[in-house]
Amino acid sequence: VKGPEFIPAGLTTIRLQNDDTVDHAMIVFDVDEGHTIDEVESKLEGQTWPWVWAPPLGQVRAGPGETNELTVRLEKGLYAVTDWTTGPDNIPHVAKGVFTSFQVTEAEVQQVEWDSDAIEIGLDDFAFTGLKDLEAGMNTFRLTNNSDDQEHELLFVPLLDGQSAEELFKDFAYSWN
C-alpha cells in the first residue's frame, strides 16, 4: 500500500489502482483521538478490529487492472487503511500486511468545496427529496439528514432491463390490514 504520510484536511479523493491479478478493497478507518496505530496493529494481531474507536469512513473496490476512487471529507486526525478481501488462498490481505496509516493535518490552503454540480438529496423520515433522473457516468451526491431523531442512508440498486422500482420492491411491501 502506497500513500502519503500526511494529508491536509478537507475534501480528498483516494484512488485505488489495482495492478494485481485479484480483487482489492481499500477501507479507510477514522481512529478516535487518544488511540494509536500501535493499538490498531495490536488488535489486528488478535484478528479483530476496534470498531468502537476506529469506525469505517468509506471503502473503494477495484478488480484486477481497474482504478476506482473514493471522495471523502477528512477532518484533522489519525486514519488507518486496510484491505479485508481475500485471494485464491482465502487469507485476508490485511493478514499479509496490507495495512497503512496517515495523519490528516490542518489545511494549509483554502478547502475545496463540493462540486457545484453535486446532486443534493435530503433524507427525511419516510421520504427523499432532490432525487432526479441521473446522467450515465460519474455522479456526485451530497446527502443531508433532515431528521433530528434517526439516522438515514441511501442505497442505489440497479434495475434489470424493463424492471420498475415497484416490481423490485413488491416483495418488501407490508400490509397494515
Protein backbone atom coordinates (compact mmCIF):
# COMPACT_ATOMS: atom_id res chain seq x y z
CA VAL A 1 0.00 0.00 0.00
CA LYS A 2 1.50 3.31 -1.09
CA GLY A 3 0.25 6.63 0.15
CA PRO A 4 1.29 9.86 1.80
CA GLU A 5 2.10 10.02 5.50
CA PHE A 6 0.33 13.39 5.88
CA ILE A 7 -2.77 14.76 4.12
CA PRO A 8 -4.29 18.22 4.62
CA ALA A 9 -7.87 18.29 5.96
CA GLY A 10 -10.70 18.79 3.51
CA LEU A 11 -12.33 17.10 0.56
CA THR A 12 -9.96 14.30 -0.50
CA THR A 13 -10.07 11.81 -3.37
CA ILE A 14 -8.42 8.49 -2.60
CA ARG A 15 -7.51 6.43 -5.66
CA LEU A 16 -7.11 2.65 -5.62
CA GLN A 17 -5.07 1.45 -8.59
CA ASN A 18 -5.10 -2.34 -8.69
CA ASP A 19 -2.15 -3.69 -10.70
CA ASP A 20 -2.64 -7.14 -9.15
CA THR A 21 -4.45 -10.19 -10.54
CA VAL A 22 -7.05 -10.38 -7.71
CA ASP A 23 -9.70 -8.01 -6.31
CA HIS A 24 -8.70 -5.46 -3.70
CA ALA A 25 -10.70 -3.11 -1.47
CA MET A 26 -9.31 -0.20 0.48
CA ILE A 27 -11.24 0.60 3.66
CA VAL A 28 -10.48 3.89 5.44
CA PHE A 29 -10.97 3.95 9.22
CA ASP A 30 -11.15 7.07 11.40
CA VAL A 31 -9.11 6.35 14.55
CA ASP A 32 -10.54 8.24 17.52
CA GLU A 33 -8.39 10.78 19.35
CA GLY A 34 -6.45 9.19 22.19
CA HIS A 35 -5.81 5.93 20.28
CA THR A 36 -2.71 4.99 18.29
CA ILE A 37 -1.78 2.92 15.25
CA ASP A 38 0.15 0.61 17.61
CA GLU A 39 -3.18 -0.14 19.32
CA VAL A 40 -4.80 -0.86 15.93
CA GLU A 41 -1.93 -3.19 14.97
CA SER A 42 -2.23 -4.96 18.33
CA LYS A 43 -5.91 -5.61 17.65
CA LEU A 44 -5.07 -6.88 14.16
CA GLU A 45 -2.61 -9.39 15.60
CA GLY A 46 -5.56 -10.76 17.57
CA GLN A 47 -7.53 -10.83 14.29
CA THR A 48 -10.06 -8.26 15.44
CA TRP A 49 -10.82 -4.66 14.53
CA PRO A 50 -11.50 -1.90 17.10
CA TRP A 51 -14.84 -0.87 15.56
CA VAL A 52 -15.88 1.22 18.57
CA TRP A 53 -12.94 3.63 18.39
CA ALA A 54 -11.89 3.16 14.74
CA PRO A 55 -15.11 3.10 12.66
CA PRO A 56 -15.02 2.77 8.87
CA LEU A 57 -15.28 6.02 6.94
CA GLY A 58 -15.55 4.61 3.43
CA GLN A 59 -14.42 1.92 1.03
CA VAL A 60 -13.28 1.69 -2.57
CA ARG A 61 -13.00 -1.59 -4.53
CA ALA A 62 -11.09 -2.37 -7.73
CA GLY A 63 -10.83 -5.55 -9.74
CA PRO A 64 -7.63 -6.63 -11.47
CA GLY A 65 -6.36 -3.84 -13.72
CA GLU A 66 -9.03 -1.38 -12.52
CA THR A 67 -8.70 2.00 -10.86
CA ASN A 68 -11.52 3.42 -8.71
CA GLU A 69 -11.87 6.40 -6.39
CA LEU A 70 -13.48 7.36 -3.10
CA THR A 71 -14.03 11.03 -2.26
CA VAL A 72 -14.48 11.91 1.41
CA ARG A 73 -14.15 14.96 3.63
CA LEU A 74 -11.29 14.26 6.06
CA GLU A 75 -11.06 16.03 9.39
CA LYS A 76 -7.81 16.52 11.32
CA GLY A 77 -6.79 13.24 12.97
CA LEU A 78 -5.40 9.75 12.53
CA TYR A 79 -6.65 7.28 9.90
CA ALA A 80 -5.92 3.62 9.17
CA VAL A 81 -6.28 1.89 5.79
CA THR A 82 -6.51 -1.84 5.17
CA ASP A 83 -7.80 -4.49 2.77
CA TRP A 84 -10.02 -7.28 4.11
CA THR A 85 -10.57 -9.03 0.75
CA THR A 86 -9.10 -12.49 0.18
CA GLY A 87 -7.30 -14.01 -2.77
CA PRO A 88 -7.32 -17.62 -4.01
CA ASP A 89 -5.62 -18.73 -0.77
CA ASN A 90 -8.57 -17.34 1.29
CA ILE A 91 -6.20 -15.36 3.52
CA PRO A 92 -7.32 -11.75 4.11
CA HIS A 93 -4.88 -9.29 2.58
CA VAL A 94 -4.64 -7.47 5.91
CA ALA A 95 -3.10 -10.66 7.36
CA LYS A 96 -0.38 -10.33 4.71
CA GLY A 97 0.48 -6.82 5.85
CA VAL A 98 -1.81 -4.76 3.62
CA PHE A 99 -2.18 -2.02 6.22
CA THR A 100 -1.06 1.57 6.47
CA SER A 101 -1.97 4.79 8.20
CA PHE A 102 -1.87 8.51 7.59
CA GLN A 103 -2.28 11.70 9.58
CA VAL A 104 -4.67 14.43 8.47
CA THR A 105 -3.32 17.87 9.32
CA GLU A 106 -4.93 21.31 9.35
CA ALA A 107 -5.50 22.51 5.79
CA GLU A 108 -2.83 24.98 4.69
CA VAL A 109 -4.84 26.21 1.73
CA GLN A 110 -8.46 27.08 1.23
CA GLN A 111 -10.53 23.91 1.37
CA VAL A 112 -12.09 22.66 -1.85
CA GLU A 113 -15.84 22.97 -1.86
CA TRP A 114 -18.20 20.27 -3.04
CA ASP A 115 -18.75 20.10 -6.78
CA SER A 116 -21.38 22.69 -7.70
CA ASP A 117 -22.97 20.06 -9.97
CA ALA A 118 -23.49 17.74 -6.99
CA ILE A 119 -26.98 16.33 -6.72
CA GLU A 120 -28.37 17.47 -3.37
CA ILE A 121 -30.51 14.78 -1.72
CA GLY A 122 -32.41 15.35 1.51
CA LEU A 123 -33.00 12.30 3.69
CA ASP A 124 -36.24 12.74 5.63
CA ASP A 125 -38.34 10.38 7.72
CA PHE A 126 -40.01 8.11 5.12
CA ALA A 127 -39.05 10.31 2.16
CA PHE A 128 -36.22 11.58 -0.02
CA THR A 129 -36.06 14.99 -1.68
CA GLY A 130 -33.97 16.02 -4.65
CA LEU A 131 -33.88 12.67 -6.44
CA LYS A 132 -33.94 13.01 -10.21
CA ASP A 133 -33.01 11.09 -13.33
CA LEU A 134 -29.24 10.62 -13.50
CA GLU A 135 -26.89 11.07 -16.41
CA ALA A 136 -24.87 7.99 -17.34
CA GLY A 137 -21.34 8.06 -15.94
CA MET A 138 -19.91 9.64 -12.79
CA ASN A 139 -22.34 11.48 -10.49
CA THR A 140 -21.61 13.31 -7.25
CA PHE A 141 -24.15 13.31 -4.42
CA ARG A 142 -24.38 15.41 -1.29
CA LEU A 143 -26.65 13.82 1.31
CA THR A 144 -28.26 15.79 4.14
CA ASN A 145 -30.05 14.08 7.02
CA ASN A 146 -33.06 16.27 7.79
CA SER A 147 -34.15 14.22 10.81
CA ASP A 148 -33.30 15.02 14.40
CA ASP A 149 -34.47 11.61 15.59
CA GLN A 150 -32.81 8.96 13.45
CA GLU A 151 -30.02 8.21 11.02
CA HIS A 152 -30.75 7.62 7.34
CA GLU A 153 -28.87 6.08 4.46
CA LEU A 154 -29.36 5.90 0.71
CA LEU A 155 -28.70 2.77 -1.35
CA PHE A 156 -28.69 2.72 -5.14
CA VAL A 157 -29.89 -0.56 -6.64
CA PRO A 158 -29.68 -1.10 -10.41
CA LEU A 159 -32.91 -2.26 -12.03
CA LEU A 160 -32.99 -5.04 -14.60
CA ASP A 161 -33.88 -4.02 -18.16
CA GLY A 162 -37.60 -3.22 -18.21
CA GLN A 163 -37.97 -3.59 -14.43
CA SER A 164 -39.74 -0.86 -12.43
CA ALA A 165 -39.00 0.17 -8.86
CA GLU A 166 -42.45 -1.07 -7.89
CA GLU A 167 -41.61 -4.54 -9.25
CA LEU A 168 -38.28 -4.57 -7.40
CA PHE A 169 -39.85 -3.70 -4.05
CA LYS A 170 -43.15 -5.59 -4.32
CA ASP A 171 -41.81 -8.37 -2.07
CA PHE A 172 -40.87 -5.80 0.57
CA ALA A 173 -44.36 -4.31 0.82
CA TYR A 174 -46.03 -4.60 4.22
CA SER A 175 -49.78 -4.63 4.63
CA TRP A 176 -51.13 -2.87 7.73
CA ASN A 177 -54.51 -4.63 7.34
